[in-house]
């Protein structure tokens, strides 16, 4: 298995474990509210993190150089004759 496949398998396994833990927490009455709070907080932090990253990228990326007027290519002396 390549390194990428190993990493993908680990991510898959981690996701399955988190789904299992969340499923268990949701069905245990003592932890139900805590599980929902954790999910909501993770969602808000994740979305705001992506928005912050986009803002940082836009703020720190220099503006592109303006495109000058498009000029016709110069004709060579052989084309003029």
PDB file of N, CA and C in Angstrom:
ATOM      1  N   UNK A   1       0.847  -1.171   0.000  1.00  0.00           N
ATOM      2  CA  UNK A   1       0.000   0.000   0.000  1.00  0.00           C
ATOM      3  C   UNK A   1       0.895   1.237   0.000  1.00  0.00           C
ATOM      4  N   UNK A   2       0.526   2.242  -0.801  1.00  0.00           N
ATOM      5  CA  UNK A   2       1.316   3.466  -0.867  1.00  0.00           C
ATOM      6  C   UNK A   2       1.057   4.315   0.381  1.00  0.00           C
ATOM      7  N   UNK A   3       1.871   5.345   0.508  1.00  0.00           N
ATOM      8  CA  UNK A   3       1.755   6.230   1.670  1.00  0.00           C
ATOM      9  C   UNK A   3       0.392   6.936   1.670  1.00  0.00           C
ATOM     10  N   UNK A   4      -0.080   7.369   0.505  1.00  0.00           N
ATOM     11  CA  UNK A   4      -1.380   8.032   0.413  1.00  0.00           C
ATOM     12  C   UNK A   4      -2.519   7.093   0.800  1.00  0.00           C
ATOM     13  N   UNK A   5      -2.419   5.843   0.385  1.00  0.00           N
ATOM     14  CA  UNK A   5      -3.465   4.882   0.732  1.00  0.00           C
ATOM     15  C   UNK A   5      -3.477   4.607   2.228  1.00  0.00           C
ATOM     16  N   UNK A   6      -2.283   4.545   2.833  1.00  0.00           N
ATOM     17  CA  UNK A   6      -2.197   4.336   4.281  1.00  0.00           C
ATOM     18  C   UNK A   6      -2.820   5.514   5.025  1.00  0.00           C
ATOM     19  N   UNK A   7      -2.491   6.724   4.589  1.00  0.00           N
ATOM     20  CA  UNK A   7      -3.068   7.907   5.216  1.00  0.00           C
ATOM     21  C   UNK A   7      -4.582   7.925   5.040  1.00  0.00           C
ATOM     22  N   UNK A   8      -5.062   7.575   3.853  1.00  0.00           N
ATOM     23  CA  UNK A   8      -6.499   7.513   3.617  1.00  0.00           C
ATOM     24  C   UNK A   8      -7.192   6.485   4.502  1.00  0.00           C
ATOM     25  N   UNK A   9      -6.555   5.329   4.692  1.00  0.00           N
ATOM     26  CA  UNK A   9      -7.119   4.299   5.568  1.00  0.00           C
ATOM     27  C   UNK A   9      -7.174   4.780   7.014  1.00  0.00           C
ATOM     28  N   UNK A  10      -6.140   5.490   7.457  1.00  0.00           N
ATOM     29  CA  UNK A  10      -6.131   6.026   8.828  1.00  0.00           C
ATOM     30  C   UNK A  10      -7.212   7.083   9.014  1.00  0.00           C
ATOM     31  N   UNK A  11      -7.396   7.940   8.014  1.00  0.00           N
ATOM     32  CA  UNK A  11      -8.455   8.950   8.094  1.00  0.00           C
ATOM     33  C   UNK A  11      -9.819   8.272   8.142  1.00  0.00           C
ATOM     34  N   UNK A  12     -10.016   7.250   7.311  1.00  0.00           N
ATOM     35  CA  UNK A  12     -11.273   6.502   7.320  1.00  0.00           C
ATOM     36  C   UNK A  12     -11.519   5.862   8.680  1.00  0.00           C
ATOM     37  N   UNK A  13     -10.497   5.219   9.227  1.00  0.00           N
ATOM     38  CA  UNK A  13     -10.635   4.577  10.535  1.00  0.00           C
ATOM     39  C   UNK A  13     -10.952   5.604  11.621  1.00  0.00           C
ATOM     40  N   UNK A  14     -10.262   6.739  11.589  1.00  0.00           N
ATOM     41  CA  UNK A  14     -10.520   7.797  12.569  1.00  0.00           C
ATOM     42  C   UNK A  14     -11.937   8.325  12.476  1.00  0.00           C
ATOM     43  N   UNK A  15     -12.436   8.504  11.250  1.00  0.00           N
ATOM     44  CA  UNK A  15     -13.803   8.988  11.062  1.00  0.00           C
ATOM     45  C   UNK A  15     -14.818   7.982  11.600  1.00  0.00           C
ATOM     46  N   UNK A  16     -14.574   6.709  11.358  1.00  0.00           N
ATOM     47  CA  UNK A  16     -15.483   5.678  11.857  1.00  0.00           C
ATOM     48  C   UNK A  16     -15.492   5.653  13.383  1.00  0.00           C
ATOM     49  N   UNK A  17     -14.329   5.816  13.996  1.00  0.00           N
ATOM     50  CA  UNK A  17     -14.250   5.850  15.466  1.00  0.00           C
ATOM     51  C   UNK A  17     -15.011   7.055  16.014  1.00  0.00           C
ATOM     52  N   UNK A  18     -14.832   8.230  15.391  1.00  0.00           N
ATOM     53  CA  UNK A  18     -15.538   9.432  15.856  1.00  0.00           C
ATOM     54  C   UNK A  18     -17.047   9.262  15.694  1.00  0.00           C
ATOM     55  N   UNK A  19     -17.484   8.679  14.580  1.00  0.00           N
ATOM     56  CA  UNK A  19     -18.913   8.422  14.380  1.00  0.00           C
ATOM     57  C   UNK A  19     -19.440   7.495  15.475  1.00  0.00           C
ATOM     58  N   UNK A  20     -18.683   6.473  15.811  1.00  0.00           N
ATOM     59  CA  UNK A  20     -19.099   5.547  16.871  1.00  0.00           C
ATOM     60  C   UNK A  20     -19.201   6.226  18.222  1.00  0.00           C
ATOM     61  N   UNK A  21     -18.196   7.038  18.549  1.00  0.00           N
ATOM     62  CA  UNK A  21     -18.220   7.758  19.837  1.00  0.00           C
ATOM     63  C   UNK A  21     -19.397   8.720  19.881  1.00  0.00           C
ATOM     64  N   UNK A  22     -19.620   9.456  18.785  1.00  0.00           N
ATOM     65  CA  UNK A  22     -20.747  10.383  18.744  1.00  0.00           C
ATOM     66  C   UNK A  22     -22.074   9.637  18.879  1.00  0.00           C
ATOM     67  N   UNK A  23     -22.210   8.522  18.173  1.00  0.00           N
ATOM     68  CA  UNK A  23     -23.436   7.730  18.277  1.00  0.00           C
ATOM     69  C   UNK A  23     -23.681   7.248  19.694  1.00  0.00           C
ATOM     70  N   UNK A  24     -22.623   6.829  20.363  1.00  0.00           N
ATOM     71  CA  UNK A  24     -22.767   6.382  21.751  1.00  0.00           C
ATOM     72  C   UNK A  24     -23.154   7.551  22.652  1.00  0.00           C
ATOM     73  N   UNK A  25     -22.500   8.709  22.466  1.00  0.00           N
ATOM     74  CA  UNK A  25     -22.800   9.877  23.303  1.00  0.00           C
ATOM     75  C   UNK A  25     -24.224  10.376  23.105  1.00  0.00           C
ATOM     76  N   UNK A  26     -24.715  10.316  21.887  1.00  0.00           N
ATOM     77  CA  UNK A  26     -26.065  10.817  21.587  1.00  0.00           C
ATOM     78  C   UNK A  26     -27.141   9.955  22.251  1.00  0.00           C
ATOM     79  N   UNK A  27     -26.874   8.656  22.400  1.00  0.00           N
ATOM     80  CA  UNK A  27     -27.887   7.770  22.971  1.00  0.00           C
ATOM     81  C   UNK A  27     -27.772   7.574  24.473  1.00  0.00           C
ATOM     82  N   UNK A  28     -26.723   8.132  25.077  1.00  0.00           N
ATOM     83  CA  UNK A  28     -26.618   8.098  26.540  1.00  0.00           C
ATOM     84  C   UNK A  28     -27.201   9.414  27.050  1.00  0.00           C
ATOM     85  N   UNK A  29     -28.296   9.369  27.778  1.00  0.00           N
ATOM     86  CA  UNK A  29     -28.994  10.609  28.168  1.00  0.00           C
ATOM     87  C   UNK A  29     -28.111  11.621  28.901  1.00  0.00           C
ATOM     88  N   UNK A  30     -27.168  11.154  29.698  1.00  0.00           N
ATOM     89  CA  UNK A  30     -26.326  12.080  30.466  1.00  0.00           C
ATOM     90  C   UNK A  30     -25.397  12.900  29.560  1.00  0.00           C
ATOM     91  N   UNK A  31     -25.079  12.384  28.386  1.00  0.00           N
ATOM     92  CA  UNK A  31     -24.103  13.039  27.502  1.00  0.00           C
ATOM     93  C   UNK A  31     -24.723  13.647  26.243  1.00  0.00           C
ATOM     94  N   UNK A  32     -26.031  13.523  26.094  1.00  0.00           N
ATOM     95  CA  UNK A  32     -26.684  13.962  24.862  1.00  0.00           C
ATOM     96  C   UNK A  32     -26.450  15.452  24.582  1.00  0.00           C
ATOM     97  N   UNK A  33     -26.678  16.315  25.553  1.00  0.00           N
ATOM     98  CA  UNK A  33     -26.511  17.759  25.359  1.00  0.00           C
ATOM     99  C   UNK A  33     -25.037  18.093  25.105  1.00  0.00           C
ATOM    100  N   UNK A  34     -24.144  17.447  25.840  1.00  0.00           N
ATOM    101  CA  UNK A  34     -22.713  17.699  25.641  1.00  0.00           C
ATOM    102  C   UNK A  34     -22.286  17.316  24.228  1.00  0.00           C
ATOM    103  N   UNK A  35     -22.798  16.213  23.711  1.00  0.00           N
ATOM    104  CA  UNK A  35     -22.458  15.785  22.354  1.00  0.00           C
ATOM    105  C   UNK A  35     -22.949  16.792  21.330  1.00  0.00           C
ATOM    106  N   UNK A  36     -24.151  17.300  21.517  1.00  0.00           N
ATOM    107  CA  UNK A  36     -24.688  18.291  20.577  1.00  0.00           C
ATOM    108  C   UNK A  36     -23.912  19.603  20.657  1.00  0.00           C
ATOM    109  N   UNK A  37     -23.501  19.995  21.850  1.00  0.00           N
ATOM    110  CA  UNK A  37     -22.704  21.211  22.007  1.00  0.00           C
ATOM    111  C   UNK A  37     -21.352  21.049  21.316  1.00  0.00           C
ATOM    112  N   UNK A  38     -20.737  19.881  21.465  1.00  0.00           N
ATOM    113  CA  UNK A  38     -19.440  19.634  20.826  1.00  0.00           C
ATOM    114  C   UNK A  38     -19.572  19.694  19.306  1.00  0.00           C
ATOM    115  N   UNK A  39     -20.630  19.096  18.768  1.00  0.00           N
ATOM    116  CA  UNK A  39     -20.837  19.106  17.319  1.00  0.00           C
ATOM    117  C   UNK A  39     -21.087  20.530  16.825  1.00  0.00           C
ATOM    118  N   UNK A  40     -21.924  21.281  17.522  1.00  0.00           N
ATOM    119  CA  UNK A  40     -22.219  22.653  17.108  1.00  0.00           C
ATOM    120  C   UNK A  40     -20.967  23.525  17.177  1.00  0.00           C
ATOM    121  N   UNK A  41     -20.208  23.395  18.250  1.00  0.00           N
ATOM    122  CA  UNK A  41     -18.985  24.194  18.392  1.00  0.00           C
ATOM    123  C   UNK A  41     -17.969  23.838  17.312  1.00  0.00           C
ATOM    124  N   UNK A  42     -17.828  22.554  17.020  1.00  0.00           N
ATOM    125  CA  UNK A  42     -16.897  22.125  15.980  1.00  0.00           C
ATOM    126  C   UNK A  42     -17.317  22.668  14.615  1.00  0.00           C
ATOM    127  N   UNK A  43     -18.604  22.655  14.328  1.00  0.00           N
ATOM    128  CA  UNK A  43     -19.099  23.166  13.047  1.00  0.00           C
ATOM    129  C   UNK A  43     -18.840  24.668  12.924  1.00  0.00           C
ATOM    130  N   UNK A  44     -19.137  25.414  13.976  1.00  0.00           N
ATOM    131  CA  UNK A  44     -18.926  26.865  13.934  1.00  0.00           C
ATOM    132  C   UNK A  44     -17.443  27.190  13.791  1.00  0.00           C
ATOM    133  N   UNK A  45     -16.601  26.550  14.578  1.00  0.00           N
ATOM    134  CA  UNK A  45     -15.165  26.803  14.497  1.00  0.00           C
ATOM    135  C   UNK A  45     -14.611  26.400  13.125  1.00  0.00           C
ATOM    136  N   UNK A  46     -15.083  25.285  12.589  1.00  0.00           N
ATOM    137  CA  UNK A  46     -14.624  24.844  11.273  1.00  0.00           C
ATOM    138  C   UNK A  46     -14.996  25.817  10.168  1.00  0.00           C
ATOM    139  N   UNK A  47     -16.251  26.243  10.139  1.00  0.00           N
ATOM    140  CA  UNK A  47     -16.696  27.177   9.102  1.00  0.00           C
ATOM    141  C   UNK A  47     -15.994  28.524   9.252  1.00  0.00           C
ATOM    142  N   UNK A  48     -15.897  29.030  10.469  1.00  0.00           N
ATOM    143  CA  UNK A  48     -15.223  30.310  10.688  1.00  0.00           C
ATOM    144  C   UNK A  48     -13.729  30.209  10.380  1.00  0.00           C
ATOM    145  N   UNK A  49     -13.137  29.057  10.622  1.00  0.00           N
ATOM    146  CA  UNK A  49     -11.735  28.855  10.281  1.00  0.00           C
ATOM    147  C   UNK A  49     -11.508  28.911   8.782  1.00  0.00           C
ATOM    148  N   UNK A  50     -12.408  28.302   8.026  1.00  0.00           N
ATOM    149  CA  UNK A  50     -12.302  28.351   6.563  1.00  0.00           C
ATOM    150  C   UNK A  50     -12.494  29.778   6.063  1.00  0.00           C
ATOM    151  N   UNK A  51     -13.462  30.497   6.614  1.00  0.00           N
ATOM    152  CA  UNK A  51     -13.688  31.887   6.219  1.00  0.00           C
ATOM    153  C   UNK A  51     -12.477  32.747   6.573  1.00  0.00           C
ATOM    154  N   UNK A  52     -11.889  32.534   7.741  1.00  0.00           N
ATOM    155  CA  UNK A  52     -10.699  33.281   8.135  1.00  0.00           C
ATOM    156  C   UNK A  52      -9.530  32.988   7.202  1.00  0.00           C
ATOM    157  N   UNK A  53      -9.369  31.735   6.806  1.00  0.00           N
ATOM    158  CA  UNK A  53      -8.301  31.358   5.883  1.00  0.00           C
ATOM    159  C   UNK A  53      -8.481  32.034   4.526  1.00  0.00           C
ATOM    160  N   UNK A  54      -9.720  32.092   4.039  1.00  0.00           N
ATOM    161  CA  UNK A  54      -9.995  32.770   2.771  1.00  0.00           C
ATOM    162  C   UNK A  54      -9.672  34.258   2.902  1.00  0.00           C
ATOM    163  N   UNK A  55     -10.081  34.874   4.003  1.00  0.00           N
ATOM    164  CA  UNK A  55      -9.781  36.287   4.221  1.00  0.00           C
ATOM    165  C   UNK A  55      -8.288  36.547   4.305  1.00  0.00           C
ATOM    166  N   UNK A  56      -7.564  35.706   5.013  1.00  0.00           N
ATOM    167  CA  UNK A  56      -6.112  35.848   5.125  1.00  0.00           C
ATOM    168  C   UNK A  56      -5.457  35.732   3.750  1.00  0.00           C
ATOM    169  N   UNK A  57      -5.897  34.773   2.974  1.00  0.00           N
ATOM    170  CA  UNK A  57      -5.337  34.579   1.637  1.00  0.00           C
ATOM    171  C   UNK A  57      -5.613  35.794   0.763  1.00  0.00           C
ATOM    172  N   UNK A  58      -6.822  36.324   0.825  1.00  0.00           N
ATOM    173  CA  UNK A  58      -7.152  37.502   0.021  1.00  0.00           C
ATOM    174  C   UNK A  58      -6.375  38.726   0.485  1.00  0.00           C
ATOM    175  N   UNK A  59      -6.152  38.856   1.790  1.00  0.00           N
ATOM    176  CA  UNK A  59      -5.455  40.025   2.321  1.00  0.00           C
ATOM    177  C   UNK A  59      -3.956  39.986   2.049  1.00  0.00           C
ATOM    178  N   UNK A  60      -3.377  38.815   1.969  1.00  0.00           N
ATOM    179  CA  UNK A  60      -1.925  38.716   1.827  1.00  0.00           C
ATOM    180  C   UNK A  60      -1.454  38.425   0.418  1.00  0.00           C
ATOM    181  N   UNK A  61      -2.360  38.158  -0.499  1.00  0.00           N
ATOM    182  CA  UNK A  61      -1.978  37.889  -1.888  1.00  0.00           C
ATOM    183  C   UNK A  61      -1.897  39.213  -2.631  1.00  0.00           C
ATOM    184  N   UNK A  62      -0.761  39.486  -3.279  1.00  0.00           N
ATOM    185  CA  UNK A  62      -0.659  40.752  -4.008  1.00  0.00           C
ATOM    186  C   UNK A  62      -1.608  40.780  -5.211  1.00  0.00           C
ATOM    187  N   UNK A  63      -2.035  41.986  -5.546  1.00  0.00           N
ATOM    188  CA  UNK A  63      -2.934  42.137  -6.690  1.00  0.00           C
ATOM    189  C   UNK A  63      -2.180  41.812  -7.978  1.00  0.00           C
ATOM    190  N   UNK A  64      -2.872  41.245  -8.944  1.00  0.00           N
ATOM    191  CA  UNK A  64      -2.197  40.945 -10.205  1.00  0.00           C
ATOM    192  C   UNK A  64      -1.848  42.225 -10.957  1.00  0.00           C
ATOM    193  N   UNK A  65      -0.825  42.143 -11.786  1.00  0.00           N
ATOM    194  CA  UNK A  65      -0.440  43.274 -12.603  1.00  0.00           C
ATOM    195  C   UNK A  65      -1.552  43.554 -13.613  1.00  0.00           C
ATOM    196  N   UNK A  66      -1.871  44.848 -13.836  1.00  0.00           N
ATOM    197  CA  UNK A  66      -2.919  45.141 -14.826  1.00  0.00           C
ATOM    198  C   UNK A  66      -2.453  44.762 -16.231  1.00  0.00           C
ATOM    199  N   UNK A  67      -3.395  44.318 -17.005  1.00  0.00           N
ATOM    200  CA  UNK A  67      -3.094  43.939 -18.379  1.00  0.00           C
ATOM    201  C   UNK A  67      -3.097  45.209 -19.217  1.00  0.00           C
ATOM    202  N   UNK A  68      -2.003  45.438 -19.924  1.00  0.00           N
ATOM    203  CA  UNK A  68      -1.917  46.621 -20.776  1.00  0.00           C
ATOM    204  C   UNK A  68      -2.801  46.466 -21.995  1.00  0.00           C
ATOM    205  N   UNK A  69      -2.867  47.527 -22.784  1.00  0.00           N
ATOM    206  CA  UNK A  69      -3.683  47.445 -23.992  1.00  0.00           C
ATOM    207  C   UNK A  69      -3.069  46.417 -24.936  1.00  0.00           C
ATOM    208  N   UNK A  70      -3.913  45.709 -25.594  1.00  0.00           N
ATOM    209  CA  UNK A  70      -3.453  44.674 -26.513  1.00  0.00           C
ATOM    210  C   UNK A  70      -3.058  45.349 -27.821  1.00  0.00           C
ATOM    211  N   UNK A  71      -1.813  45.222 -28.185  1.00  0.00           N
ATOM    212  CA  UNK A  71      -1.317  45.835 -29.402  1.00  0.00           C
ATOM    213  C   UNK A  71      -1.243  44.785 -30.499  1.00  0.00           C
ATOM    214  N   UNK A  72      -1.407  45.252 -31.719  1.00  0.00           N
ATOM    215  CA  UNK A  72      -1.278  44.340 -32.847  1.00  0.00           C
ATOM    216  C   UNK A  72       0.193  44.001 -33.015  1.00  0.00           C
ATOM    217  N   UNK A  73       0.474  42.771 -33.360  1.00  0.00           N
ATOM    218  CA  UNK A  73       1.879  42.415 -33.557  1.00  0.00           C
ATOM    219  C   UNK A  73       2.465  43.191 -34.737  1.00  0.00           C
ATOM    220  N   UNK A  74       3.730  43.547 -34.589  1.00  0.00           N
ATOM    221  CA  UNK A  74       4.387  44.298 -35.645  1.00  0.00           C
ATOM    222  C   UNK A  74       4.577  43.414 -36.869  1.00  0.00           C
ATOM    223  N   UNK A  75       4.366  43.996 -38.016  1.00  0.00           N
ATOM    224  CA  UNK A  75       4.534  43.252 -39.264  1.00  0.00           C
ATOM    225  C   UNK A  75       6.014  43.250 -39.626  1.00  0.00           C
ATOM    226  N   UNK A  76       6.460  42.115 -40.063  1.00  0.00           N
ATOM    227  CA  UNK A  76       7.853  42.054 -40.498  1.00  0.00           C
ATOM    228  C   UNK A  76       7.998  42.684 -41.866  1.00  0.00           C
ATOM    229  N   UNK A  77       9.195  43.000 -42.250  1.00  0.00           N
ATOM    230  CA  UNK A  77       9.423  43.666 -43.525  1.00  0.00           C
ATOM    231  C   UNK A  77       8.987  42.799 -44.707  1.00  0.00           C
ATOM    232  N   UNK A  78       9.015  41.475 -44.552  1.00  0.00           N
ATOM    233  CA  UNK A  78       8.608  40.611 -45.660  1.00  0.00           C
ATOM    234  C   UNK A  78       7.085  40.620 -45.844  1.00  0.00           C
ATOM    235  N   UNK A  79       6.331  40.841 -44.765  1.00  0.00           N
ATOM    236  CA  UNK A  79       4.875  40.880 -44.869  1.00  0.00           C
ATOM    237  C   UNK A  79       4.403  42.199 -45.456  1.00  0.00           C
ATOM    238  N   UNK A  80       5.175  43.278 -45.300  1.00  0.00           N
ATOM    239  CA  UNK A  80       4.772  44.583 -45.815  1.00  0.00           C
ATOM    240  C   UNK A  80       4.850  44.642 -47.329  1.00  0.00           C
ATOM    241  N   UNK A  81       5.696  43.866 -47.950  1.00  0.00           N
ATOM    242  CA  UNK A  81       5.895  43.909 -49.409  1.00  0.00           C
ATOM    243  C   UNK A  81       4.884  43.125 -50.152  1.00  0.00           C
TER     244      UNK A  81
END
